[in-house]
ModelCIF file with pLDDT and N, C-alpha, C, O atoms, coordinates in Angstrom:
data_MODEL
#
_entry.id   MODEL 
#
_entity.id                         1 
_entity.type                       polymer 
_entity.pdbx_number_of_molecules   1 
#
_entity_poly.entity_id                      1 
_entity_poly.type                           'polypeptide(L)' 
_entity_poly.nstd_linkage                   no 
_entity_poly.nstd_monomer                   no 
_entity_poly.pdbx_seq_one_letter_code       RLAAALATLNDQQRAAVEHGVGLLADDHRPLLVIAGAGSGKTATLAHR 
_entity_poly.pdbx_seq_one_letter_code_can   RLAAALATLNDQQRAAVEHGVGLLADDHRPLLVIAGAGSGKTATLAHR 
_entity_poly.pdbx_strand_id                 A 
#
loop_
_entity_poly_seq.entity_id 
_entity_poly_seq.num 
_entity_poly_seq.mon_id 
_entity_poly_seq.hetero 
1 1  ARG n 
1 2  LEU n 
1 3  ALA n 
1 4  ALA n 
1 5  ALA n 
1 6  LEU n 
1 7  ALA n 
1 8  THR n 
1 9  LEU n 
1 10 ASN n 
1 11 ASP n 
1 12 GLN n 
1 13 GLN n 
1 14 ARG n 
1 15 ALA n 
1 16 ALA n 
1 17 VAL n 
1 18 GLU n 
1 19 HIS n 
1 20 GLY n 
1 21 VAL n 
1 22 GLY n 
1 23 LEU n 
1 24 LEU n 
1 25 ALA n 
1 26 ASP n 
1 27 ASP n 
1 28 HIS n 
1 29 ARG n 
1 30 PRO n 
1 31 LEU n 
1 32 LEU n 
1 33 VAL n 
1 34 ILE n 
1 35 ALA n 
1 36 GLY n 
1 37 ALA n 
1 38 GLY n 
1 39 SER n 
1 40 GLY n 
1 41 LYS n 
1 42 THR n 
1 43 ALA n 
1 44 THR n 
1 45 LEU n 
1 46 ALA n 
1 47 HIS n 
1 48 ARG n 
#
_struct_asym.id          A 
_struct_asym.entity_id   1 
#
loop_
_ma_qa_metric.id 
_ma_qa_metric.mode 
_ma_qa_metric.name 
_ma_qa_metric.software_group_id 
_ma_qa_metric.type 
1 global pLDDT . pLDDT 
2 local  pLDDT . pLDDT 
#
_ma_qa_metric_global.metric_id      1 
_ma_qa_metric_global.metric_value   88.81 
_ma_qa_metric_global.model_id       1 
_ma_qa_metric_global.ordinal_id     1 
#
loop_
_ma_qa_metric_local.label_asym_id 
_ma_qa_metric_local.label_comp_id 
_ma_qa_metric_local.label_seq_id 
_ma_qa_metric_local.metric_id 
_ma_qa_metric_local.metric_value 
_ma_qa_metric_local.model_id 
_ma_qa_metric_local.ordinal_id 
A ARG 1  2 88.00 1 1  
A LEU 2  2 87.00 1 2  
A ALA 3  2 88.00 1 3  
A ALA 4  2 90.00 1 4  
A ALA 5  2 89.00 1 5  
A LEU 6  2 91.00 1 6  
A ALA 7  2 93.00 1 7  
A THR 8  2 93.00 1 8  
A LEU 9  2 95.00 1 9  
A ASN 10 2 95.00 1 10 
A ASP 11 2 96.00 1 11 
A GLN 12 2 96.00 1 12 
A GLN 13 2 96.00 1 13 
A ARG 14 2 95.00 1 14 
A ALA 15 2 95.00 1 15 
A ALA 16 2 95.00 1 16 
A VAL 17 2 95.00 1 17 
A GLU 18 2 93.00 1 18 
A HIS 19 2 93.00 1 19 
A GLY 20 2 87.00 1 20 
A VAL 21 2 81.00 1 21 
A GLY 22 2 64.00 1 22 
A LEU 23 2 52.00 1 23 
A LEU 24 2 50.00 1 24 
A ALA 25 2 60.00 1 25 
A ASP 26 2 67.00 1 26 
A ASP 27 2 78.00 1 27 
A HIS 28 2 83.00 1 28 
A ARG 29 2 91.00 1 29 
A PRO 30 2 95.00 1 30 
A LEU 31 2 96.00 1 31 
A LEU 32 2 97.00 1 32 
A VAL 33 2 97.00 1 33 
A ILE 34 2 97.00 1 34 
A ALA 35 2 95.00 1 35 
A GLY 36 2 94.00 1 36 
A ALA 37 2 94.00 1 37 
A GLY 38 2 94.00 1 38 
A SER 39 2 95.00 1 39 
A GLY 40 2 93.00 1 40 
A LYS 41 2 93.00 1 41 
A THR 42 2 90.00 1 42 
A ALA 43 2 92.00 1 43 
A THR 44 2 94.00 1 44 
A LEU 45 2 93.00 1 45 
A ALA 46 2 91.00 1 46 
A HIS 47 2 93.00 1 47 
A ARG 48 2 94.00 1 48 
#
loop_
_atom_site.group_PDB 
_atom_site.id 
_atom_site.type_symbol 
_atom_site.label_atom_id 
_atom_site.label_alt_id 
_atom_site.label_comp_id 
_atom_site.label_asym_id 
_atom_site.label_entity_id 
_atom_site.label_seq_id 
_atom_site.pdbx_PDB_ins_code 
_atom_site.Cartn_x 
_atom_site.Cartn_y 
_atom_site.Cartn_z 
_atom_site.occupancy 
_atom_site.B_iso_or_equiv 
_atom_site.pdbx_formal_charge 
_atom_site.auth_seq_id 
_atom_site.auth_comp_id 
_atom_site.auth_asym_id 
_atom_site.auth_atom_id 
_atom_site.pdbx_PDB_model_num 
ATOM 1   N N  . ARG A 1 1  ? -40.049 -11.197 1.922  1.00 88.00 ? 1  ARG A N  1 
ATOM 2   C CA . ARG A 1 1  ? -40.354 -10.570 3.214  1.00 88.00 ? 1  ARG A CA 1 
ATOM 3   C C  . ARG A 1 1  ? -39.276 -10.889 4.250  1.00 88.00 ? 1  ARG A C  1 
ATOM 4   O O  . ARG A 1 1  ? -38.935 -10.042 5.076  1.00 88.00 ? 1  ARG A O  1 
ATOM 5   N N  . LEU A 1 2  ? -38.739 -12.115 4.205  1.00 87.00 ? 2  LEU A N  1 
ATOM 6   C CA . LEU A 1 2  ? -37.657 -12.478 5.119  1.00 87.00 ? 2  LEU A CA 1 
ATOM 7   C C  . LEU A 1 2  ? -36.419 -11.635 4.827  1.00 87.00 ? 2  LEU A C  1 
ATOM 8   O O  . LEU A 1 2  ? -35.773 -11.139 5.750  1.00 87.00 ? 2  LEU A O  1 
ATOM 9   N N  . ALA A 1 3  ? -36.091 -11.472 3.557  1.00 88.00 ? 3  ALA A N  1 
ATOM 10  C CA . ALA A 1 3  ? -34.934 -10.661 3.184  1.00 88.00 ? 3  ALA A CA 1 
ATOM 11  C C  . ALA A 1 3  ? -35.121 -9.216  3.639  1.00 88.00 ? 3  ALA A C  1 
ATOM 12  O O  . ALA A 1 3  ? -34.167 -8.572  4.076  1.00 88.00 ? 3  ALA A O  1 
ATOM 13  N N  . ALA A 1 4  ? -36.352 -8.705  3.535  1.00 90.00 ? 4  ALA A N  1 
ATOM 14  C CA . ALA A 1 4  ? -36.622 -7.332  3.966  1.00 90.00 ? 4  ALA A CA 1 
ATOM 15  C C  . ALA A 1 4  ? -36.450 -7.181  5.472  1.00 90.00 ? 4  ALA A C  1 
ATOM 16  O O  . ALA A 1 4  ? -35.935 -6.167  5.945  1.00 90.00 ? 4  ALA A O  1 
ATOM 17  N N  . ALA A 1 5  ? -36.883 -8.192  6.224  1.00 89.00 ? 5  ALA A N  1 
ATOM 18  C CA . ALA A 1 5  ? -36.728 -8.140  7.683  1.00 89.00 ? 5  ALA A CA 1 
ATOM 19  C C  . ALA A 1 5  ? -35.254 -8.167  8.074  1.00 89.00 ? 5  ALA A C  1 
ATOM 20  O O  . ALA A 1 5  ? -34.841 -7.436  8.974  1.00 89.00 ? 5  ALA A O  1 
ATOM 21  N N  . LEU A 1 6  ? -34.461 -8.998  7.411  1.00 91.00 ? 6  LEU A N  1 
ATOM 22  C CA . LEU A 1 6  ? -33.040 -9.108  7.741  1.00 91.00 ? 6  LEU A CA 1 
ATOM 23  C C  . LEU A 1 6  ? -32.260 -7.880  7.275  1.00 91.00 ? 6  LEU A C  1 
ATOM 24  O O  . LEU A 1 6  ? -31.187 -7.586  7.801  1.00 91.00 ? 6  LEU A O  1 
ATOM 25  N N  . ALA A 1 7  ? -32.796 -7.171  6.295  1.00 93.00 ? 7  ALA A N  1 
ATOM 26  C CA . ALA A 1 7  ? -32.102 -5.991  5.784  1.00 93.00 ? 7  ALA A CA 1 
ATOM 27  C C  . ALA A 1 7  ? -32.039 -4.867  6.815  1.00 93.00 ? 7  ALA A C  1 
ATOM 28  O O  . ALA A 1 7  ? -31.242 -3.941  6.665  1.00 93.00 ? 7  ALA A O  1 
ATOM 29  N N  . THR A 1 8  ? -32.863 -4.935  7.855  1.00 93.00 ? 8  THR A N  1 
ATOM 30  C CA . THR A 1 8  ? -32.840 -3.913  8.904  1.00 93.00 ? 8  THR A CA 1 
ATOM 31  C C  . THR A 1 8  ? -31.684 -4.108  9.872  1.00 93.00 ? 8  THR A C  1 
ATOM 32  O O  . THR A 1 8  ? -31.432 -3.247  10.715 1.00 93.00 ? 8  THR A O  1 
ATOM 33  N N  . LEU A 1 9  ? -30.973 -5.237  9.763  1.00 95.00 ? 9  LEU A N  1 
ATOM 34  C CA . LEU A 1 9  ? -29.890 -5.564  10.688 1.00 95.00 ? 9  LEU A CA 1 
ATOM 35  C C  . LEU A 1 9  ? -28.543 -5.161  10.096 1.00 95.00 ? 9  LEU A C  1 
ATOM 36  O O  . LEU A 1 9  ? -28.393 -5.095  8.876  1.00 95.00 ? 9  LEU A O  1 
ATOM 37  N N  . ASN A 1 10 ? -27.564 -4.894  10.957 1.00 95.00 ? 10 ASN A N  1 
ATOM 38  C CA . ASN A 1 10 ? -26.213 -4.683  10.448 1.00 95.00 ? 10 ASN A CA 1 
ATOM 39  C C  . ASN A 1 10 ? -25.544 -6.037  10.206 1.00 95.00 ? 10 ASN A C  1 
ATOM 40  O O  . ASN A 1 10 ? -26.118 -7.079  10.522 1.00 95.00 ? 10 ASN A O  1 
ATOM 41  N N  . ASP A 1 11 ? -24.336 -6.024  9.649  1.00 96.00 ? 11 ASP A N  1 
ATOM 42  C CA . ASP A 1 11 ? -23.693 -7.267  9.213  1.00 96.00 ? 11 ASP A CA 1 
ATOM 43  C C  . ASP A 1 11 ? -23.467 -8.235  10.368 1.00 96.00 ? 11 ASP A C  1 
ATOM 44  O O  . ASP A 1 11 ? -23.686 -9.438  10.219 1.00 96.00 ? 11 ASP A O  1 
ATOM 45  N N  . GLN A 1 12 ? -23.030 -7.721  11.524 1.00 96.00 ? 12 GLN A N  1 
ATOM 46  C CA . GLN A 1 12 ? -22.764 -8.606  12.669 1.00 96.00 ? 12 GLN A CA 1 
ATOM 47  C C  . GLN A 1 12 ? -24.065 -9.178  13.230 1.00 96.00 ? 12 GLN A C  1 
ATOM 48  O O  . GLN A 1 12 ? -24.127 -10.359 13.569 1.00 96.00 ? 12 GLN A O  1 
ATOM 49  N N  . GLN A 1 13 ? -25.090 -8.359  13.329 1.00 96.00 ? 13 GLN A N  1 
ATOM 50  C CA . GLN A 1 13 ? -26.383 -8.859  13.800 1.00 96.00 ? 13 GLN A CA 1 
ATOM 51  C C  . GLN A 1 13 ? -26.908 -9.940  12.863 1.00 96.00 ? 13 GLN A C  1 
ATOM 52  O O  . GLN A 1 13 ? -27.428 -10.961 13.314 1.00 96.00 ? 13 GLN A O  1 
ATOM 53  N N  . ARG A 1 14 ? -26.774 -9.717  11.584 1.00 95.00 ? 14 ARG A N  1 
ATOM 54  C CA . ARG A 1 14 ? -27.279 -10.685 10.614 1.00 95.00 ? 14 ARG A CA 1 
ATOM 55  C C  . ARG A 1 14 ? -26.503 -11.995 10.694 1.00 95.00 ? 14 ARG A C  1 
ATOM 56  O O  . ARG A 1 14 ? -27.083 -13.073 10.560 1.00 95.00 ? 14 ARG A O  1 
ATOM 57  N N  . ALA A 1 15 ? -25.188 -11.904 10.913 1.00 95.00 ? 15 ALA A N  1 
ATOM 58  C CA . ALA A 1 15 ? -24.389 -13.119 11.058 1.00 95.00 ? 15 ALA A CA 1 
ATOM 59  C C  . ALA A 1 15 ? -24.871 -13.949 12.247 1.00 95.00 ? 15 ALA A C  1 
ATOM 60  O O  . ALA A 1 15 ? -24.924 -15.176 12.176 1.00 95.00 ? 15 ALA A O  1 
ATOM 61  N N  . ALA A 1 16 ? -25.224 -13.261 13.349 1.00 95.00 ? 16 ALA A N  1 
ATOM 62  C CA . ALA A 1 16 ? -25.731 -13.971 14.520 1.00 95.00 ? 16 ALA A CA 1 
ATOM 63  C C  . ALA A 1 16 ? -27.090 -14.594 14.248 1.00 95.00 ? 16 ALA A C  1 
ATOM 64  O O  . ALA A 1 16 ? -27.363 -15.711 14.686 1.00 95.00 ? 16 ALA A O  1 
ATOM 65  N N  . VAL A 1 17 ? -27.944 -13.873 13.524 1.00 95.00 ? 17 VAL A N  1 
ATOM 66  C CA . VAL A 1 17 ? -29.294 -14.353 13.229 1.00 95.00 ? 17 VAL A CA 1 
ATOM 67  C C  . VAL A 1 17 ? -29.250 -15.575 12.318 1.00 95.00 ? 17 VAL A C  1 
ATOM 68  O O  . VAL A 1 17 ? -30.014 -16.518 12.522 1.00 95.00 ? 17 VAL A O  1 
ATOM 69  N N  . GLU A 1 18 ? -28.368 -15.576 11.316 1.00 93.00 ? 18 GLU A N  1 
ATOM 70  C CA . GLU A 1 18 ? -28.358 -16.622 10.296 1.00 93.00 ? 18 GLU A CA 1 
ATOM 71  C C  . GLU A 1 18 ? -27.466 -17.808 10.638 1.00 93.00 ? 18 GLU A C  1 
ATOM 72  O O  . GLU A 1 18 ? -27.448 -18.788 9.892  1.00 93.00 ? 18 GLU A O  1 
ATOM 73  N N  . HIS A 1 19 ? -26.723 -17.750 11.746 1.00 93.00 ? 19 HIS A N  1 
ATOM 74  C CA . HIS A 1 19 ? -25.820 -18.841 12.096 1.00 93.00 ? 19 HIS A CA 1 
ATOM 75  C C  . HIS A 1 19 ? -26.575 -20.167 12.192 1.00 93.00 ? 19 HIS A C  1 
ATOM 76  O O  . HIS A 1 19 ? -27.556 -20.286 12.927 1.00 93.00 ? 19 HIS A O  1 
ATOM 77  N N  . GLY A 1 20 ? -26.103 -21.156 11.440 1.00 87.00 ? 20 GLY A N  1 
ATOM 78  C CA . GLY A 1 20 ? -26.703 -22.491 11.493 1.00 87.00 ? 20 GLY A CA 1 
ATOM 79  C C  . GLY A 1 20 ? -28.049 -22.592 10.832 1.00 87.00 ? 20 GLY A C  1 
ATOM 80  O O  . GLY A 1 20 ? -28.728 -23.610 10.971 1.00 87.00 ? 20 GLY A O  1 
ATOM 81  N N  . VAL A 1 21 ? -28.463 -21.549 10.104 1.00 81.00 ? 21 VAL A N  1 
ATOM 82  C CA . VAL A 1 21 ? -29.774 -21.542 9.460  1.00 81.00 ? 21 VAL A CA 1 
ATOM 83  C C  . VAL A 1 21 ? -29.579 -21.132 8.004  1.00 81.00 ? 21 VAL A C  1 
ATOM 84  O O  . VAL A 1 21 ? -28.708 -20.317 7.700  1.00 81.00 ? 21 VAL A O  1 
ATOM 85  N N  . GLY A 1 22 ? -30.369 -21.681 7.121  1.00 64.00 ? 22 GLY A N  1 
ATOM 86  C CA . GLY A 1 22 ? -30.325 -21.268 5.727  1.00 64.00 ? 22 GLY A CA 1 
ATOM 87  C C  . GLY A 1 22 ? -28.994 -21.602 5.089  1.00 64.00 ? 22 GLY A C  1 
ATOM 88  O O  . GLY A 1 22 ? -28.579 -22.761 5.087  1.00 64.00 ? 22 GLY A O  1 
ATOM 89  N N  . LEU A 1 23 ? -28.311 -20.586 4.540  1.00 52.00 ? 23 LEU A N  1 
ATOM 90  C CA . LEU A 1 23 ? -27.071 -20.817 3.807  1.00 52.00 ? 23 LEU A CA 1 
ATOM 91  C C  . LEU A 1 23 ? -25.963 -21.361 4.701  1.00 52.00 ? 23 LEU A C  1 
ATOM 92  O O  . LEU A 1 23 ? -25.046 -22.030 4.225  1.00 52.00 ? 23 LEU A O  1 
ATOM 93  N N  . LEU A 1 24 ? -26.052 -21.075 5.986  1.00 50.00 ? 24 LEU A N  1 
ATOM 94  C CA . LEU A 1 24 ? -25.021 -21.530 6.915  1.00 50.00 ? 24 LEU A CA 1 
ATOM 95  C C  . LEU A 1 24 ? -25.470 -22.746 7.705  1.00 50.00 ? 24 LEU A C  1 
ATOM 96  O O  . LEU A 1 24 ? -24.979 -22.987 8.808  1.00 50.00 ? 24 LEU A O  1 
ATOM 97  N N  . ALA A 1 25 ? -26.398 -23.513 7.150  1.00 60.00 ? 25 ALA A N  1 
ATOM 98  C CA . ALA A 1 25 ? -26.978 -24.621 7.900  1.00 60.00 ? 25 ALA A CA 1 
ATOM 99  C C  . ALA A 1 25 ? -25.974 -25.714 8.211  1.00 60.00 ? 25 ALA A C  1 
ATOM 100 O O  . ALA A 1 25 ? -26.230 -26.544 9.084  1.00 60.00 ? 25 ALA A O  1 
ATOM 101 N N  . ASP A 1 26 ? -24.838 -25.742 7.524  1.00 67.00 ? 26 ASP A N  1 
ATOM 102 C CA . ASP A 1 26 ? -23.840 -26.774 7.798  1.00 67.00 ? 26 ASP A CA 1 
ATOM 103 C C  . ASP A 1 26 ? -23.035 -26.473 9.054  1.00 67.00 ? 26 ASP A C  1 
ATOM 104 O O  . ASP A 1 26 ? -22.340 -27.350 9.568  1.00 67.00 ? 26 ASP A O  1 
ATOM 105 N N  . ASP A 1 27 ? -23.119 -25.253 9.551  1.00 78.00 ? 27 ASP A N  1 
ATOM 106 C CA . ASP A 1 27 ? -22.367 -24.857 10.741 1.00 78.00 ? 27 ASP A CA 1 
ATOM 107 C C  . ASP A 1 27 ? -23.276 -24.979 11.959 1.00 78.00 ? 27 ASP A C  1 
ATOM 108 O O  . ASP A 1 27 ? -24.109 -24.109 12.214 1.00 78.00 ? 27 ASP A O  1 
ATOM 109 N N  . HIS A 1 28 ? -23.107 -26.062 12.702 1.00 83.00 ? 28 HIS A N  1 
ATOM 110 C CA . HIS A 1 28 ? -23.971 -26.309 13.859 1.00 83.00 ? 28 HIS A CA 1 
ATOM 111 C C  . HIS A 1 28 ? -23.231 -26.098 15.177 1.00 83.00 ? 28 HIS A C  1 
ATOM 112 O O  . HIS A 1 28 ? -23.653 -26.606 16.216 1.00 83.00 ? 28 HIS A O  1 
ATOM 113 N N  . ARG A 1 29 ? -22.136 -25.357 15.137 1.00 91.00 ? 29 ARG A N  1 
ATOM 114 C CA . ARG A 1 29 ? -21.418 -25.072 16.373 1.00 91.00 ? 29 ARG A CA 1 
ATOM 115 C C  . ARG A 1 29 ? -22.274 -24.226 17.316 1.00 91.00 ? 29 ARG A C  1 
ATOM 116 O O  . ARG A 1 29 ? -23.165 -23.505 16.866 1.00 91.00 ? 29 ARG A O  1 
ATOM 117 N N  . PRO A 1 30 ? -22.012 -24.309 18.607 1.00 95.00 ? 30 PRO A N  1 
ATOM 118 C CA . PRO A 1 30 ? -22.694 -23.378 19.518 1.00 95.00 ? 30 PRO A CA 1 
ATOM 119 C C  . PRO A 1 30 ? -22.309 -21.949 19.161 1.00 95.00 ? 30 PRO A C  1 
ATOM 120 O O  . PRO A 1 30 ? -21.239 -21.700 18.606 1.00 95.00 ? 30 PRO A O  1 
ATOM 121 N N  . LEU A 1 31 ? -23.189 -21.022 19.484 1.00 96.00 ? 31 LEU A N  1 
ATOM 122 C CA . LEU A 1 31 ? -23.002 -19.620 19.111 1.00 96.00 ? 31 LEU A CA 1 
ATOM 123 C C  . LEU A 1 31 ? -22.922 -18.752 20.360 1.00 96.00 ? 31 LEU A C  1 
ATOM 124 O O  . LEU A 1 31 ? -23.768 -18.850 21.249 1.00 96.00 ? 31 LEU A O  1 
ATOM 125 N N  . LEU A 1 32 ? -21.907 -17.909 20.422 1.00 97.00 ? 32 LEU A N  1 
ATOM 126 C CA . LEU A 1 32 ? -21.777 -16.903 21.475 1.00 97.00 ? 32 LEU A CA 1 
ATOM 127 C C  . LEU A 1 32 ? -21.832 -15.531 20.823 1.00 97.00 ? 32 LEU A C  1 
ATOM 128 O O  . LEU A 1 32 ? -20.984 -15.196 19.996 1.00 97.00 ? 32 LEU A O  1 
ATOM 129 N N  . VAL A 1 33 ? -22.827 -14.741 21.194 1.00 97.00 ? 33 VAL A N  1 
ATOM 130 C CA . VAL A 1 33 ? -22.958 -13.375 20.686 1.00 97.00 ? 33 VAL A CA 1 
ATOM 131 C C  . VAL A 1 33 ? -22.528 -12.419 21.798 1.00 97.00 ? 33 VAL A C  1 
ATOM 132 O O  . VAL A 1 33 ? -23.208 -12.293 22.817 1.00 97.00 ? 33 VAL A O  1 
ATOM 133 N N  . ILE A 1 34 ? -21.402 -11.751 21.593 1.00 97.00 ? 34 ILE A N  1 
ATOM 134 C CA . ILE A 1 34 ? -20.935 -10.740 22.539 1.00 97.00 ? 34 ILE A CA 1 
ATOM 135 C C  . ILE A 1 34 ? -21.591 -9.425  22.136 1.00 97.00 ? 34 ILE A C  1 
ATOM 136 O O  . ILE A 1 34 ? -21.187 -8.786  21.164 1.00 97.00 ? 34 ILE A O  1 
ATOM 137 N N  . ALA A 1 35 ? -22.601 -9.034  22.892 1.00 95.00 ? 35 ALA A N  1 
ATOM 138 C CA . ALA A 1 35 ? -23.422 -7.878  22.529 1.00 95.00 ? 35 ALA A CA 1 
ATOM 139 C C  . ALA A 1 35 ? -23.062 -6.710  23.429 1.00 95.00 ? 35 ALA A C  1 
ATOM 140 O O  . ALA A 1 35 ? -23.457 -6.675  24.594 1.00 95.00 ? 35 ALA A O  1 
ATOM 141 N N  . GLY A 1 36 ? -22.310 -5.752  22.894 1.00 94.00 ? 36 GLY A N  1 
ATOM 142 C CA . GLY A 1 36 ? -21.944 -4.573  23.656 1.00 94.00 ? 36 GLY A CA 1 
ATOM 143 C C  . GLY A 1 36 ? -23.165 -3.765  24.057 1.00 94.00 ? 36 GLY A C  1 
ATOM 144 O O  . GLY A 1 36 ? -24.251 -3.941  23.504 1.00 94.00 ? 36 GLY A O  1 
ATOM 145 N N  . ALA A 1 37 ? -22.976 -2.882  25.020 1.00 94.00 ? 37 ALA A N  1 
ATOM 146 C CA . ALA A 1 37 ? -24.081 -2.056  25.507 1.00 94.00 ? 37 ALA A CA 1 
ATOM 147 C C  . ALA A 1 37 ? -24.698 -1.275  24.355 1.00 94.00 ? 37 ALA A C  1 
ATOM 148 O O  . ALA A 1 37 ? -23.988 -0.659  23.560 1.00 94.00 ? 37 ALA A O  1 
ATOM 149 N N  . GLY A 1 38 ? -26.035 -1.305  24.271 1.00 94.00 ? 38 GLY A N  1 
ATOM 150 C CA . GLY A 1 38 ? -26.738 -0.531  23.259 1.00 94.00 ? 38 GLY A CA 1 
ATOM 151 C C  . GLY A 1 38 ? -26.543 -1.011  21.840 1.00 94.00 ? 38 GLY A C  1 
ATOM 152 O O  . GLY A 1 38 ? -26.738 -0.242  20.899 1.00 94.00 ? 38 GLY A O  1 
ATOM 153 N N  . SER A 1 39 ? -26.161 -2.274  21.662 1.00 95.00 ? 39 SER A N  1 
ATOM 154 C CA . SER A 1 39 ? -25.837 -2.780  20.323 1.00 95.00 ? 39 SER A CA 1 
ATOM 155 C C  . SER A 1 39 ? -26.991 -3.507  19.652 1.00 95.00 ? 39 SER A C  1 
ATOM 156 O O  . SER A 1 39 ? -26.783 -4.146  18.620 1.00 95.00 ? 39 SER A O  1 
ATOM 157 N N  . GLY A 1 40 ? -28.194 -3.436  20.196 1.00 93.00 ? 40 GLY A N  1 
ATOM 158 C CA . GLY A 1 40 ? -29.340 -4.077  19.566 1.00 93.00 ? 40 GLY A CA 1 
ATOM 159 C C  . GLY A 1 40 ? -29.446 -5.558  19.876 1.00 93.00 ? 40 GLY A C  1 
ATOM 160 O O  . GLY A 1 40 ? -29.838 -6.356  19.025 1.00 93.00 ? 40 GLY A O  1 
ATOM 161 N N  . LYS A 1 41 ? -29.094 -5.916  21.098 1.00 93.00 ? 41 LYS A N  1 
ATOM 162 C CA . LYS A 1 41 ? -29.115 -7.321  21.502 1.00 93.00 ? 41 LYS A CA 1 
ATOM 163 C C  . LYS A 1 41 ? -30.507 -7.923  21.391 1.00 93.00 ? 41 LYS A C  1 
ATOM 164 O O  . LYS A 1 41 ? -30.670 -9.013  20.842 1.00 93.00 ? 41 LYS A O  1 
ATOM 165 N N  . THR A 1 42 ? -31.511 -7.223  21.906 1.00 90.00 ? 42 THR A N  1 
ATOM 166 C CA . THR A 1 42 ? -32.867 -7.766  21.903 1.00 90.00 ? 42 THR A CA 1 
ATOM 167 C C  . THR A 1 42 ? -33.374 -7.965  20.484 1.00 90.00 ? 42 THR A C  1 
ATOM 168 O O  . THR A 1 42 ? -33.986 -8.987  20.175 1.00 90.00 ? 42 THR A O  1 
ATOM 169 N N  . ALA A 1 43 ? -33.120 -6.986  19.623 1.00 92.00 ? 43 ALA A N  1 
ATOM 170 C CA . ALA A 1 43 ? -33.551 -7.113  18.230 1.00 92.00 ? 43 ALA A CA 1 
ATOM 171 C C  . ALA A 1 43 ? -32.873 -8.297  17.558 1.00 92.00 ? 43 ALA A C  1 
ATOM 172 O O  . ALA A 1 43 ? -33.501 -9.019  16.784 1.00 92.00 ? 43 ALA A O  1 
ATOM 173 N N  . THR A 1 44 ? -31.597 -8.495  17.852 1.00 94.00 ? 44 THR A N  1 
ATOM 174 C CA . THR A 1 44 ? -30.864 -9.609  17.242 1.00 94.00 ? 44 THR A CA 1 
ATOM 175 C C  . THR A 1 44 ? -31.442 -10.945 17.681 1.00 94.00 ? 44 THR A C  1 
ATOM 176 O O  . THR A 1 44 ? -31.667 -11.830 16.855 1.00 94.00 ? 44 THR A O  1 
ATOM 177 N N  . LEU A 1 45 ? -31.683 -11.094 18.974 1.00 93.00 ? 45 LEU A N  1 
ATOM 178 C CA . LEU A 1 45 ? -32.202 -12.358 19.478 1.00 93.00 ? 45 LEU A CA 1 
ATOM 179 C C  . LEU A 1 45 ? -33.622 -12.601 18.974 1.00 93.00 ? 45 LEU A C  1 
ATOM 180 O O  . LEU A 1 45 ? -33.971 -13.728 18.623 1.00 93.00 ? 45 LEU A O  1 
ATOM 181 N N  . ALA A 1 46 ? -34.442 -11.552 18.936 1.00 91.00 ? 46 ALA A N  1 
ATOM 182 C CA . ALA A 1 46 ? -35.812 -11.707 18.437 1.00 91.00 ? 46 ALA A CA 1 
ATOM 183 C C  . ALA A 1 46 ? -35.816 -12.103 16.966 1.00 91.00 ? 46 ALA A C  1 
ATOM 184 O O  . ALA A 1 46 ? -36.608 -12.954 16.562 1.00 91.00 ? 46 ALA A O  1 
ATOM 185 N N  . HIS A 1 47 ? -34.946 -11.501 16.159 1.00 93.00 ? 47 HIS A N  1 
ATOM 186 C CA . HIS A 1 47 ? -34.877 -11.860 14.738 1.00 93.00 ? 47 HIS A CA 1 
ATOM 187 C C  . HIS A 1 47 ? -34.365 -13.285 14.558 1.00 93.00 ? 47 HIS A C  1 
ATOM 188 O O  . HIS A 1 47 ? -34.787 -13.985 13.638 1.00 93.00 ? 47 HIS A O  1 
ATOM 189 N N  . ARG A 1 48 ? -33.458 -13.716 15.434 1.00 94.00 ? 48 ARG A N  1 
ATOM 190 C CA . ARG A 1 48 ? -32.978 -15.100 15.316 1.00 94.00 ? 48 ARG A CA 1 
ATOM 191 C C  . ARG A 1 48 ? -34.114 -16.084 15.607 1.00 94.00 ? 48 ARG A C  1 
ATOM 192 O O  . ARG A 1 48 ? -33.908 -17.297 15.558 1.00 94.00 ? 48 ARG A O  1 
#
């Protein structure tokens, strides 16, 4: 079900959602998401 939810995102959105979590858990750097107008910012943050 988690994979199905993430499948609705594009590659950049998914990278933002998964940063520091799961397979990328070793990367604990702060994250800056530059979200252009109309790029699905709210969906990305909610999925994260």
